[in-house]
Structures are given as C-alpha cells and as structure tokens.
Amino acid sequence: MEEEGLLVYRSDRGKIPVGEPRLENSLQARFYLMVLKFIDRDRMLEVQSEHLTWLLEKEKEGVLFLSGPATYLDEGEPVLSGLMAIRAKTEEEARAIAEQEPFVVKGIMEYKLYQWGIFQGAVAVSINLSDGSGSFC
C-alpha cells in the first residue's frame, strides 16, 4: 500500500513503514508469490511438458524470479504443490501472468496470489537454474 510516497505494510502490529532506519537502504523489491494447489493431480503428466516450457519462457522473459515444487503435510501425508515468484508492477499484471500458467488454464491447479516485498537478502550473481547460464551483477 502506498502512503505518502512510502510503501507501508499493515500487520497485526500496526503500520510498518519501509522508511524505518533498518530498511531505509533496502531495494524494496516487489514480487508476487503464486502458491499453487492441485485440484486434479491425476492429469498432471498430460500438461507437465507444456508447464515446463511455459516456465522456461517466463524465466527468459525475466518475469519468473523463482519457481519450484513444494510439499506440505495434510493429515501426515505429503501433498505436492508449487510456488512461483513473479516479477510484476501490479497485482493485475501478476494475475494476468498467473492465469496463463498451463496447469491453471487446464483446470489442474488453482492458485492464490500474494504481494511479496523482499527487503532483506543478498544476491551476487544471476543464474538461470534451467540451463546453468548466468552473469555477475
């Protein structure tokens, strides 16, 4: 949320302005985290190749920051899901990208989209995980 030129997050602790001293030099990268959940896992293999091709295209376009499978436990059983961090300027732009994901298009997965502000961390190189290419920043 923008407020007086600062990105402000609201939490159960109240407003947390980005301009606080501990964050004043932050790059304040804004991403959208797409959390995917299967609704028809039996059809996964019929679309997996299209899904992987789409991911590689989005990676090369600079839209896909990170992506990969994830699991969580449901009543003690592991459940496969997926996570994607999308570079987008607005939620609408991120949603338009998410709606193109082949598993979503074919009704195999559903998703939730979260705005994700990255304020801490370190990146020294750029590596495309799919083919090992990269560059130093």
N, C-alpha and C. Protein backbone atom coordinates (compact mmCIF):
# COMPACT_ATOMS: atom_id res chain seq x y z
N MET A 1 0.84 -1.16 0.00
CA MET A 1 0.00 0.00 0.00
C MET A 1 0.89 1.23 0.00
N GLU A 2 0.62 2.19 -0.85
CA GLU A 2 1.39 3.42 -0.92
C GLU A 2 0.76 4.45 0.03
N GLU A 3 1.58 5.10 0.80
CA GLU A 3 1.10 6.12 1.71
C GLU A 3 2.18 7.19 1.82
N GLU A 4 1.89 8.38 1.36
CA GLU A 4 2.84 9.50 1.42
C GLU A 4 4.20 9.13 0.82
N GLY A 5 4.19 8.43 -0.31
CA GLY A 5 5.43 8.11 -1.00
C GLY A 5 6.20 6.94 -0.43
N LEU A 6 5.70 6.33 0.64
CA LEU A 6 6.38 5.18 1.23
C LEU A 6 5.52 3.94 1.06
N LEU A 7 6.16 2.83 0.82
CA LEU A 7 5.45 1.56 0.81
C LEU A 7 5.21 1.20 2.27
N VAL A 8 3.95 0.95 2.63
CA VAL A 8 3.60 0.66 4.02
C VAL A 8 2.87 -0.67 4.07
N TYR A 9 3.29 -1.53 5.00
CA TYR A 9 2.61 -2.79 5.21
C TYR A 9 1.80 -2.69 6.48
N ARG A 10 0.64 -3.27 6.47
CA ARG A 10 -0.19 -3.33 7.66
C ARG A 10 -0.10 -4.74 8.22
N SER A 11 0.01 -4.84 9.50
CA SER A 11 0.07 -6.15 10.15
C SER A 11 -0.71 -6.05 11.45
N ASP A 12 -0.74 -7.13 12.19
CA ASP A 12 -1.43 -7.10 13.47
C ASP A 12 -0.70 -6.19 14.47
N ARG A 13 0.49 -5.73 14.12
CA ARG A 13 1.25 -4.80 14.98
C ARG A 13 1.08 -3.37 14.53
N GLY A 14 0.22 -3.14 13.55
CA GLY A 14 0.01 -1.79 13.05
C GLY A 14 0.80 -1.56 11.78
N LYS A 15 0.99 -0.28 11.42
CA LYS A 15 1.73 0.06 10.20
C LYS A 15 3.22 -0.16 10.41
N ILE A 16 3.86 -0.69 9.37
CA ILE A 16 5.31 -0.87 9.39
C ILE A 16 5.86 -0.12 8.19
N PRO A 17 6.28 1.13 8.36
CA PRO A 17 6.78 1.89 7.20
C PRO A 17 8.14 1.40 6.75
N VAL A 18 8.31 1.34 5.45
CA VAL A 18 9.57 0.91 4.87
C VAL A 18 10.67 1.91 5.19
N GLY A 19 10.32 3.15 5.43
CA GLY A 19 11.30 4.18 5.69
C GLY A 19 11.98 4.10 7.04
N GLU A 20 11.66 3.10 7.86
CA GLU A 20 12.32 2.95 9.15
C GLU A 20 13.82 2.77 8.92
N PRO A 21 14.66 3.22 9.84
CA PRO A 21 16.11 3.16 9.66
C PRO A 21 16.63 1.79 9.24
N ARG A 22 16.08 0.72 9.77
CA ARG A 22 16.59 -0.61 9.42
C ARG A 22 16.30 -0.98 7.98
N LEU A 23 15.41 -0.26 7.30
CA LEU A 23 15.05 -0.58 5.93
C LEU A 23 15.30 0.56 4.95
N GLU A 24 15.86 1.67 5.43
CA GLU A 24 15.96 2.85 4.56
C GLU A 24 16.80 2.64 3.31
N ASN A 25 17.76 1.73 3.33
CA ASN A 25 18.59 1.48 2.16
C ASN A 25 18.15 0.25 1.36
N SER A 26 17.03 -0.33 1.74
CA SER A 26 16.54 -1.53 1.08
C SER A 26 16.14 -1.24 -0.36
N LEU A 27 16.34 -2.21 -1.25
CA LEU A 27 15.91 -2.08 -2.64
C LEU A 27 14.39 -2.18 -2.76
N GLN A 28 13.75 -2.72 -1.74
CA GLN A 28 12.30 -2.83 -1.70
C GLN A 28 11.74 -3.50 -2.95
N ALA A 29 12.32 -4.62 -3.32
CA ALA A 29 11.85 -5.36 -4.49
C ALA A 29 10.43 -5.86 -4.24
N ARG A 30 9.61 -5.73 -5.27
CA ARG A 30 8.22 -6.16 -5.16
C ARG A 30 7.97 -7.32 -6.12
N PHE A 31 7.52 -8.41 -5.57
CA PHE A 31 7.19 -9.60 -6.34
C PHE A 31 5.79 -10.05 -5.96
N TYR A 32 5.29 -11.00 -6.70
CA TYR A 32 4.03 -11.64 -6.36
C TYR A 32 4.31 -13.13 -6.24
N LEU A 33 3.93 -13.69 -5.12
CA LEU A 33 4.14 -15.10 -4.85
C LEU A 33 2.87 -15.85 -5.23
N MET A 34 3.02 -16.77 -6.17
CA MET A 34 1.91 -17.59 -6.64
C MET A 34 2.02 -18.95 -5.96
N VAL A 35 1.04 -19.28 -5.15
CA VAL A 35 1.02 -20.55 -4.43
C VAL A 35 -0.02 -21.44 -5.10
N LEU A 36 0.45 -22.54 -5.69
CA LEU A 36 -0.40 -23.43 -6.47
C LEU A 36 -0.79 -24.67 -5.68
N LYS A 37 -2.01 -25.14 -5.90
CA LYS A 37 -2.52 -26.35 -5.25
C LYS A 37 -3.24 -27.18 -6.29
N PHE A 38 -2.96 -28.48 -6.30
CA PHE A 38 -3.63 -29.37 -7.26
C PHE A 38 -5.10 -29.52 -6.93
N ILE A 39 -5.91 -29.50 -7.98
CA ILE A 39 -7.32 -29.85 -7.85
C ILE A 39 -7.64 -31.09 -8.69
N ASP A 40 -6.69 -31.47 -9.57
CA ASP A 40 -6.85 -32.67 -10.40
C ASP A 40 -5.46 -33.24 -10.71
N ARG A 41 -4.81 -33.80 -9.69
CA ARG A 41 -3.43 -34.26 -9.84
C ARG A 41 -3.29 -35.40 -10.84
N ASP A 42 -4.36 -36.15 -11.06
CA ASP A 42 -4.29 -37.28 -12.00
C ASP A 42 -3.96 -36.83 -13.42
N ARG A 43 -4.22 -35.56 -13.75
CA ARG A 43 -3.96 -35.05 -15.10
C ARG A 43 -2.64 -34.30 -15.21
N MET A 44 -1.82 -34.30 -14.17
CA MET A 44 -0.59 -33.53 -14.14
C MET A 44 0.34 -33.89 -15.30
N LEU A 45 0.57 -35.16 -15.55
CA LEU A 45 1.55 -35.57 -16.57
C LEU A 45 1.15 -35.16 -17.98
N GLU A 46 -0.14 -35.05 -18.25
CA GLU A 46 -0.56 -34.68 -19.60
C GLU A 46 -0.24 -33.22 -19.94
N VAL A 47 0.03 -32.39 -18.93
CA VAL A 47 0.30 -30.97 -19.16
C VAL A 47 1.71 -30.58 -18.69
N GLN A 48 2.43 -31.50 -18.06
CA GLN A 48 3.72 -31.15 -17.46
C GLN A 48 4.72 -30.56 -18.47
N SER A 49 4.81 -31.11 -19.67
CA SER A 49 5.73 -30.60 -20.67
C SER A 49 5.39 -29.15 -21.05
N GLU A 50 4.12 -28.88 -21.25
CA GLU A 50 3.67 -27.51 -21.56
C GLU A 50 3.97 -26.56 -20.39
N HIS A 51 3.76 -27.05 -19.17
CA HIS A 51 4.05 -26.28 -17.96
C HIS A 51 5.54 -25.90 -17.90
N LEU A 52 6.43 -26.89 -18.13
CA LEU A 52 7.87 -26.62 -18.07
C LEU A 52 8.31 -25.67 -19.18
N THR A 53 7.75 -25.82 -20.37
CA THR A 53 8.07 -24.91 -21.47
C THR A 53 7.66 -23.49 -21.12
N TRP A 54 6.48 -23.34 -20.54
CA TRP A 54 5.98 -22.02 -20.14
C TRP A 54 6.90 -21.40 -19.09
N LEU A 55 7.33 -22.20 -18.11
CA LEU A 55 8.23 -21.69 -17.07
C LEU A 55 9.54 -21.19 -17.68
N LEU A 56 10.11 -21.95 -18.61
CA LEU A 56 11.35 -21.53 -19.26
C LEU A 56 11.17 -20.23 -20.03
N GLU A 57 10.05 -20.08 -20.71
CA GLU A 57 9.76 -18.83 -21.43
C GLU A 57 9.68 -17.66 -20.47
N LYS A 58 8.98 -17.83 -19.35
CA LYS A 58 8.84 -16.75 -18.37
C LYS A 58 10.18 -16.43 -17.71
N GLU A 59 11.01 -17.44 -17.51
CA GLU A 59 12.34 -17.21 -16.96
C GLU A 59 13.16 -16.36 -17.93
N LYS A 60 13.16 -16.72 -19.20
CA LYS A 60 13.93 -15.98 -20.22
C LYS A 60 13.41 -14.56 -20.40
N GLU A 61 12.10 -14.36 -20.24
CA GLU A 61 11.50 -13.03 -20.35
C GLU A 61 11.80 -12.16 -19.13
N GLY A 62 12.35 -12.75 -18.07
CA GLY A 62 12.64 -12.00 -16.85
C GLY A 62 11.44 -11.85 -15.94
N VAL A 63 10.37 -12.58 -16.23
CA VAL A 63 9.14 -12.49 -15.44
C VAL A 63 9.21 -13.41 -14.22
N LEU A 64 9.82 -14.57 -14.39
CA LEU A 64 9.87 -15.58 -13.33
C LEU A 64 11.14 -15.39 -12.52
N PHE A 65 11.00 -15.09 -11.25
CA PHE A 65 12.15 -14.89 -10.36
C PHE A 65 12.59 -16.23 -9.78
N LEU A 66 11.67 -16.98 -9.23
CA LEU A 66 11.93 -18.30 -8.65
C LEU A 66 10.72 -19.19 -8.89
N SER A 67 10.94 -20.49 -8.98
CA SER A 67 9.84 -21.41 -9.15
C SER A 67 10.27 -22.80 -8.76
N GLY A 68 9.34 -23.59 -8.27
CA GLY A 68 9.65 -24.98 -7.98
C GLY A 68 8.53 -25.67 -7.21
N PRO A 69 8.62 -26.99 -7.16
CA PRO A 69 7.62 -27.75 -6.41
C PRO A 69 7.83 -27.57 -4.92
N ALA A 70 6.75 -27.73 -4.19
CA ALA A 70 6.79 -27.64 -2.73
C ALA A 70 5.85 -28.70 -2.19
N THR A 71 6.09 -29.14 -0.98
CA THR A 71 5.19 -30.09 -0.34
C THR A 71 4.78 -29.57 1.02
N TYR A 72 3.62 -30.00 1.44
CA TYR A 72 3.15 -29.72 2.79
C TYR A 72 2.48 -31.00 3.29
N LEU A 73 2.31 -31.11 4.60
CA LEU A 73 1.68 -32.29 5.18
C LEU A 73 0.20 -32.04 5.41
N ASP A 74 -0.61 -32.99 4.98
CA ASP A 74 -2.04 -32.96 5.22
C ASP A 74 -2.40 -34.27 5.90
N GLU A 75 -2.72 -34.17 7.18
CA GLU A 75 -3.00 -35.36 7.99
C GLU A 75 -1.85 -36.36 7.91
N GLY A 76 -0.62 -35.83 7.96
CA GLY A 76 0.57 -36.66 7.97
C GLY A 76 1.05 -37.13 6.61
N GLU A 77 0.30 -36.84 5.56
CA GLU A 77 0.67 -37.27 4.21
C GLU A 77 1.22 -36.08 3.42
N PRO A 78 2.36 -36.28 2.70
CA PRO A 78 2.89 -35.17 1.90
C PRO A 78 1.98 -34.88 0.70
N VAL A 79 1.76 -33.61 0.45
CA VAL A 79 0.94 -33.16 -0.67
C VAL A 79 1.80 -32.25 -1.55
N LEU A 80 1.86 -32.56 -2.85
CA LEU A 80 2.65 -31.77 -3.80
C LEU A 80 1.90 -30.49 -4.17
N SER A 81 2.62 -29.40 -4.18
CA SER A 81 2.08 -28.11 -4.62
C SER A 81 3.20 -27.39 -5.37
N GLY A 82 3.04 -26.10 -5.61
CA GLY A 82 4.09 -25.35 -6.31
C GLY A 82 4.13 -23.90 -5.86
N LEU A 83 5.29 -23.30 -6.02
CA LEU A 83 5.49 -21.89 -5.69
C LEU A 83 6.16 -21.20 -6.86
N MET A 84 5.74 -19.98 -7.15
CA MET A 84 6.38 -19.15 -8.16
C MET A 84 6.45 -17.72 -7.65
N ALA A 85 7.60 -17.10 -7.81
CA ALA A 85 7.75 -15.68 -7.52
C ALA A 85 7.80 -14.96 -8.87
N ILE A 86 6.82 -14.09 -9.08
CA ILE A 86 6.63 -13.41 -10.35
C ILE A 86 7.02 -11.95 -10.21
N ARG A 87 7.79 -11.45 -11.18
CA ARG A 87 8.10 -10.02 -11.24
C ARG A 87 6.96 -9.32 -11.96
N ALA A 88 6.31 -8.40 -11.28
CA ALA A 88 5.21 -7.64 -11.88
C ALA A 88 5.06 -6.32 -11.13
N LYS A 89 4.61 -5.31 -11.84
CA LYS A 89 4.45 -3.98 -11.23
C LYS A 89 3.14 -3.84 -10.47
N THR A 90 2.13 -4.61 -10.88
CA THR A 90 0.82 -4.52 -10.24
C THR A 90 0.25 -5.92 -10.03
N GLU A 91 -0.73 -6.00 -9.14
CA GLU A 91 -1.41 -7.27 -8.92
C GLU A 91 -2.12 -7.72 -10.20
N GLU A 92 -2.68 -6.78 -10.93
CA GLU A 92 -3.38 -7.13 -12.17
C GLU A 92 -2.43 -7.77 -13.18
N GLU A 93 -1.23 -7.19 -13.29
CA GLU A 93 -0.22 -7.75 -14.20
C GLU A 93 0.20 -9.15 -13.75
N ALA A 94 0.40 -9.32 -12.44
CA ALA A 94 0.78 -10.63 -11.91
C ALA A 94 -0.34 -11.65 -12.13
N ARG A 95 -1.57 -11.24 -11.92
CA ARG A 95 -2.70 -12.14 -12.11
C ARG A 95 -2.83 -12.56 -13.58
N ALA A 96 -2.60 -11.63 -14.49
CA ALA A 96 -2.66 -11.95 -15.92
C ALA A 96 -1.60 -13.00 -16.27
N ILE A 97 -0.43 -12.90 -15.68
CA ILE A 97 0.63 -13.88 -15.90
C ILE A 97 0.21 -15.23 -15.29
N ALA A 98 -0.28 -15.20 -14.06
CA ALA A 98 -0.69 -16.42 -13.37
C ALA A 98 -1.78 -17.16 -14.13
N GLU A 99 -2.69 -16.42 -14.72
CA GLU A 99 -3.81 -17.03 -15.45
C GLU A 99 -3.35 -17.72 -16.74
N GLN A 100 -2.11 -17.47 -17.19
CA GLN A 100 -1.57 -18.12 -18.39
C GLN A 100 -0.87 -19.44 -18.06
N GLU A 101 -0.63 -19.71 -16.78
CA GLU A 101 0.09 -20.91 -16.38
C GLU A 101 -0.71 -22.13 -16.85
N PRO A 102 -0.09 -23.05 -17.61
CA PRO A 102 -0.82 -24.17 -18.21
C PRO A 102 -1.62 -25.04 -17.23
N PHE A 103 -1.09 -25.31 -16.04
CA PHE A 103 -1.86 -26.09 -15.07
C PHE A 103 -3.13 -25.35 -14.66
N VAL A 104 -3.05 -24.04 -14.58
CA VAL A 104 -4.21 -23.22 -14.21
C VAL A 104 -5.20 -23.19 -15.38
N VAL A 105 -4.68 -22.94 -16.59
CA VAL A 105 -5.53 -22.87 -17.79
C VAL A 105 -6.33 -24.15 -17.96
N LYS A 106 -5.70 -25.30 -17.72
CA LYS A 106 -6.35 -26.61 -17.94
C LYS A 106 -7.16 -27.08 -16.73
N GLY A 107 -7.23 -26.26 -15.67
CA GLY A 107 -8.03 -26.64 -14.50
C GLY A 107 -7.41 -27.72 -13.64
N ILE A 108 -6.09 -27.87 -13.71
CA ILE A 108 -5.39 -28.91 -12.94
C ILE A 108 -4.94 -28.37 -11.59
N MET A 109 -4.64 -27.07 -11.55
CA MET A 109 -4.23 -26.44 -10.30
C MET A 109 -5.01 -25.13 -10.13
N GLU A 110 -5.17 -24.75 -8.87
CA GLU A 110 -5.69 -23.43 -8.55
C GLU A 110 -4.58 -22.69 -7.82
N TYR A 111 -4.72 -21.39 -7.69
CA TYR A 111 -3.64 -20.63 -7.06
C TYR A 111 -4.18 -19.50 -6.19
N LYS A 112 -3.31 -19.06 -5.30
CA LYS A 112 -3.50 -17.82 -4.54
C LYS A 112 -2.31 -16.95 -4.87
N LEU A 113 -2.54 -15.65 -4.92
CA LEU A 113 -1.50 -14.70 -5.26
C LEU A 113 -1.28 -13.76 -4.09
N TYR A 114 -0.03 -13.61 -3.67
CA TYR A 114 0.33 -12.75 -2.55
C TYR A 114 1.35 -11.72 -3.02
N GLN A 115 1.16 -10.46 -2.64
CA GLN A 115 2.21 -9.48 -2.89
C GLN A 115 3.34 -9.79 -1.91
N TRP A 116 4.57 -9.79 -2.42
CA TRP A 116 5.72 -10.18 -1.60
C TRP A 116 6.78 -9.11 -1.73
N GLY A 117 7.00 -8.36 -0.68
CA GLY A 117 8.06 -7.36 -0.66
C GLY A 117 9.31 -7.99 -0.09
N ILE A 118 10.38 -7.96 -0.85
CA ILE A 118 11.64 -8.53 -0.38
C ILE A 118 12.53 -7.38 0.07
N PHE A 119 12.85 -7.36 1.35
CA PHE A 119 13.63 -6.27 1.91
C PHE A 119 15.00 -6.70 2.42
N GLN A 120 15.17 -7.97 2.69
CA GLN A 120 16.45 -8.47 3.17
C GLN A 120 16.87 -9.65 2.32
N GLY A 121 18.16 -9.86 2.26
CA GLY A 121 18.74 -10.96 1.49
C GLY A 121 19.90 -10.44 0.67
N ALA A 122 20.59 -11.34 0.01
CA ALA A 122 21.74 -10.94 -0.79
C ALA A 122 21.75 -11.72 -2.10
N VAL A 123 22.04 -11.03 -3.17
CA VAL A 123 22.17 -11.68 -4.47
C VAL A 123 23.46 -11.16 -5.09
N ALA A 124 24.33 -12.07 -5.47
CA ALA A 124 25.61 -11.66 -6.04
C ALA A 124 25.72 -12.02 -7.52
N VAL A 125 24.97 -13.02 -7.96
CA VAL A 125 25.03 -13.44 -9.35
C VAL A 125 23.62 -13.71 -9.86
N SER A 126 23.49 -13.74 -11.17
CA SER A 126 22.24 -14.10 -11.81
C SER A 126 22.44 -15.44 -12.51
N ILE A 127 21.67 -16.44 -12.11
CA ILE A 127 21.80 -17.77 -12.69
C ILE A 127 20.44 -18.25 -13.15
N ASN A 128 20.37 -18.70 -14.40
CA ASN A 128 19.16 -19.36 -14.89
C ASN A 128 19.28 -20.83 -14.51
N LEU A 129 18.49 -21.27 -13.55
CA LEU A 129 18.62 -22.60 -13.00
C LEU A 129 18.36 -23.69 -14.04
N SER A 130 17.55 -23.40 -15.05
CA SER A 130 17.20 -24.43 -16.02
C SER A 130 18.36 -24.85 -16.92
N ASP A 131 19.22 -23.91 -17.28
CA ASP A 131 20.31 -24.26 -18.20
C ASP A 131 21.71 -23.90 -17.69
N GLY A 132 21.79 -23.37 -16.47
CA GLY A 132 23.08 -23.07 -15.89
C GLY A 132 23.74 -21.80 -16.40
N SER A 133 23.09 -21.07 -17.29
CA SER A 133 23.68 -19.82 -17.76
C SER A 133 23.52 -18.74 -16.69
N GLY A 134 24.32 -17.70 -16.80
CA GLY A 134 24.20 -16.65 -15.81
C GLY A 134 25.18 -15.53 -16.05
N SER A 135 25.13 -14.56 -15.14
CA SER A 135 26.04 -13.43 -15.22
C SER A 135 26.24 -12.84 -13.84
N PHE A 136 27.33 -12.09 -13.68
CA PHE A 136 27.58 -11.40 -12.43
C PHE A 136 26.90 -10.05 -12.48
N CYS A 137 26.33 -9.65 -11.36
CA CYS A 137 25.64 -8.36 -11.29
C CYS A 137 26.63 -7.23 -11.13
